[in-house]
Amino acid sequence: MKGTDMLDTIALPESSLELMPELQPEGALEWKAQVGTWDTGWHDVESSSHLCGLIQAVRHDGNWLVVQTRYIDVTRYGRYAQAMSTGSGYQVEVAMVSGGTTNNWRIGLGPLADEAGNEPHTGVAPSQNLSLAAACEVMVSWLNGHGLPLGYGAALHVYGKSANKNVERCDGR
């Protein structure tokens, strides 16, 4: 049997690999932002490109964006990510909420981000000041349920019952 004859006997799979550039979250996502003194209220996240546009829209110092699993405040289960403009980049935090406990990670580049810490109401360390591209990459990956992309580090802070603290996000909840 010749090599080319063998190719004729191989069955090609009926499915193919499909790239999914749009968000494929575990559940529906909603967003809220504050730009200057304007509070947007809650809206649906439409796609990953929409999410990156929202991050870019909060580019001025002190503006912020929260994206979360819909009804997280009622079910007390899900994930959220938040980005706050530092004026020269973004402070990004991602979290998992389960019952009365929230595991919140402040994200940065490399192992220095782990050591930089994550204390509420503290400034962002240089390794935790992300570019727009990095903020988009982290938030899209996290909200898709893929965790952190390679090359990023995170410092953990636990809120809630196990930490005997209240949950507090940049939107004041």
Protein backbone atom coordinates (compact mmCIF):
# COMPACT_ATOMS: atom_id res chain seq x y z
CA MET A 1 0.00 0.00 0.00
CA LYS A 2 1.38 3.38 -0.98
CA GLY A 3 1.46 6.32 1.42
CA THR A 4 -1.12 8.25 -0.58
CA ASP A 5 -3.50 5.27 -0.58
CA MET A 6 -3.43 5.26 3.23
CA LEU A 7 -4.67 8.85 3.31
CA ASP A 8 -7.81 7.74 1.51
CA THR A 9 -8.72 5.44 4.42
CA ILE A 10 -8.44 8.10 7.14
CA ALA A 11 -11.81 9.51 8.13
CA LEU A 12 -11.82 13.23 8.75
CA PRO A 13 -13.69 14.37 11.85
CA GLU A 14 -17.06 15.99 11.23
CA SER A 15 -16.34 18.80 13.68
CA SER A 16 -13.64 21.39 13.53
CA LEU A 17 -11.89 23.73 15.92
CA GLU A 18 -13.70 27.02 16.15
CA LEU A 19 -12.15 30.15 17.62
CA MET A 20 -14.45 31.95 20.03
CA PRO A 21 -13.33 35.57 20.32
CA GLU A 22 -16.55 36.49 22.12
CA LEU A 23 -17.28 35.92 25.80
CA GLN A 24 -18.52 32.43 26.65
CA PRO A 25 -19.11 32.86 30.40
CA GLU A 26 -20.67 30.40 32.82
CA GLY A 27 -23.62 32.78 33.08
CA ALA A 28 -24.75 36.17 31.90
CA LEU A 29 -22.56 39.13 32.85
CA GLU A 30 -23.49 42.67 33.79
CA TRP A 31 -21.39 45.81 34.11
CA LYS A 32 -21.45 49.11 35.95
CA ALA A 33 -19.00 52.00 35.69
CA GLN A 34 -18.32 55.37 37.19
CA VAL A 35 -16.87 57.99 34.87
CA GLY A 36 -16.22 61.20 36.74
CA THR A 37 -19.41 61.72 38.75
CA TRP A 38 -21.62 59.77 36.32
CA ASP A 39 -22.74 56.32 37.50
CA THR A 40 -23.94 54.21 34.58
CA GLY A 41 -26.15 51.74 36.45
CA TRP A 42 -26.15 48.04 35.50
CA HIS A 43 -26.13 46.84 31.87
CA ASP A 44 -25.49 43.57 30.00
CA VAL A 45 -22.01 42.76 28.68
CA GLU A 46 -22.41 42.03 24.97
CA SER A 47 -19.00 40.65 23.96
CA SER A 48 -15.30 40.65 24.76
CA SER A 49 -14.76 43.61 22.40
CA HIS A 50 -17.56 45.44 24.25
CA LEU A 51 -15.79 44.70 27.54
CA CYS A 52 -12.48 46.09 26.23
CA GLY A 53 -14.31 49.22 25.06
CA LEU A 54 -15.76 49.62 28.55
CA ILE A 55 -12.30 49.34 30.12
CA GLN A 56 -10.98 51.97 27.72
CA ALA A 57 -13.91 54.25 28.62
CA VAL A 58 -12.76 54.41 32.26
CA ARG A 59 -9.28 55.62 31.30
CA HIS A 60 -9.20 58.77 33.45
CA ASP A 61 -7.74 58.64 36.96
CA GLY A 62 -10.25 57.40 39.53
CA ASN A 63 -12.83 56.06 37.05
CA TRP A 64 -13.79 52.42 37.54
CA LEU A 65 -15.63 49.47 36.02
CA VAL A 66 -17.11 46.35 37.65
CA VAL A 67 -18.18 43.31 35.60
CA GLN A 68 -19.92 40.49 37.44
CA THR A 69 -22.00 37.37 37.11
CA ARG A 70 -25.62 38.51 36.91
CA TYR A 71 -27.46 38.19 40.25
CA ILE A 72 -24.22 37.66 42.22
CA ASP A 73 -25.61 39.99 44.90
CA VAL A 74 -28.65 37.70 45.33
CA THR A 75 -27.10 34.25 44.86
CA ARG A 76 -23.80 35.12 46.61
CA TYR A 77 -22.06 32.90 44.05
CA GLY A 78 -20.10 33.84 40.93
CA ARG A 79 -17.19 35.90 39.78
CA TYR A 80 -16.43 39.53 39.22
CA ALA A 81 -13.60 41.63 37.86
CA GLN A 82 -12.95 45.30 38.39
CA ALA A 83 -10.66 47.82 36.76
CA MET A 84 -9.85 51.24 38.12
CA SER A 85 -7.87 53.81 36.18
CA THR A 86 -4.70 54.97 37.91
CA GLY A 87 -4.18 57.73 35.33
CA SER A 88 -1.19 55.83 33.89
CA GLY A 89 -2.76 52.37 33.62
CA TYR A 90 -5.27 50.14 35.37
CA GLN A 91 -5.50 48.42 38.72
CA VAL A 92 -7.30 45.13 38.03
CA GLU A 93 -8.81 42.82 40.61
CA VAL A 94 -10.65 39.56 39.99
CA ALA A 95 -12.69 37.60 42.51
CA MET A 96 -14.70 34.49 43.24
CA VAL A 97 -17.71 34.82 45.53
CA SER A 98 -18.99 31.72 47.30
CA GLY A 99 -21.53 32.17 50.05
CA GLY A 100 -20.20 34.63 52.57
CA THR A 101 -16.60 34.54 51.38
CA THR A 102 -14.95 36.50 48.58
CA ASN A 103 -11.46 35.61 47.37
CA ASN A 104 -10.14 38.78 45.72
CA TRP A 105 -6.86 38.85 43.75
CA ARG A 106 -5.07 42.03 42.71
CA ILE A 107 -3.39 41.31 39.38
CA GLY A 108 0.01 42.35 38.08
CA LEU A 109 2.82 41.26 35.83
CA GLY A 110 5.09 38.44 36.99
CA PRO A 111 6.04 37.29 40.48
CA LEU A 112 6.47 40.84 41.82
CA ALA A 113 2.68 41.18 41.69
CA ASP A 114 2.36 38.37 44.25
CA GLU A 115 4.70 40.14 46.65
CA ALA A 116 3.16 43.62 46.13
CA GLY A 117 0.17 42.77 48.30
CA ASN A 118 -3.54 43.45 48.19
CA GLU A 119 -4.74 45.61 51.03
CA PRO A 120 -7.95 47.60 50.56
CA HIS A 121 -7.54 51.36 50.01
CA THR A 122 -3.81 51.08 49.23
CA GLY A 123 -2.08 52.36 46.13
CA VAL A 124 -1.18 50.13 43.24
CA ALA A 125 2.39 48.82 43.01
CA PRO A 126 4.28 49.38 39.72
CA SER A 127 4.00 45.67 38.84
CA GLN A 128 0.21 45.91 39.36
CA ASN A 129 -0.31 48.95 37.09
CA LEU A 130 -1.52 47.27 33.88
CA SER A 131 -1.81 48.61 30.35
CA LEU A 132 -5.17 48.68 28.56
CA ALA A 133 -4.19 45.54 26.60
CA ALA A 134 -3.19 43.69 29.77
CA ALA A 135 -6.38 44.75 31.59
CA CYS A 136 -8.48 43.48 28.66
CA GLU A 137 -6.55 40.21 28.46
CA VAL A 138 -6.92 39.51 32.18
CA MET A 139 -10.58 40.48 32.50
CA VAL A 140 -11.73 38.61 29.37
CA SER A 141 -9.84 35.47 30.42
CA TRP A 142 -11.13 35.61 34.00
CA LEU A 143 -14.74 36.28 33.06
CA ASN A 144 -14.61 33.45 30.51
CA GLY A 145 -13.67 31.11 33.35
CA HIS A 146 -10.09 30.51 32.13
CA GLY A 147 -8.25 32.02 35.08
CA LEU A 148 -5.25 34.26 34.61
CA PRO A 149 -3.26 34.28 31.37
CA LEU A 150 0.38 33.19 31.59
CA GLY A 151 2.81 35.80 32.85
CA TYR A 152 0.54 37.41 35.43
CA GLY A 153 0.70 37.17 39.19
CA ALA A 154 -1.85 37.87 41.88
CA ALA A 155 -1.99 38.88 45.53
CA LEU A 156 -4.93 37.45 47.51
CA HIS A 157 -7.16 39.22 49.99
CA VAL A 158 -10.07 37.32 51.59
CA TYR A 159 -13.27 39.09 52.60
CA GLY A 160 -16.31 37.74 54.38
CA LYS A 161 -17.17 35.15 56.98
CA SER A 162 -13.86 33.30 56.98
CA ALA A 163 -11.93 36.57 57.21
CA ASN A 164 -14.41 38.30 59.57
CA LYS A 165 -14.53 41.27 57.21
CA ASN A 166 -17.16 42.80 54.95
CA VAL A 167 -16.96 42.54 51.18
CA GLU A 168 -16.05 45.87 49.63
CA ARG A 169 -15.54 46.60 45.96
CA CYS A 170 -14.73 49.79 44.13
CA ASP A 171 -18.47 50.32 43.53
CA GLY A 172 -19.00 50.44 47.31
CA ARG A 173 -20.90 47.15 47.67
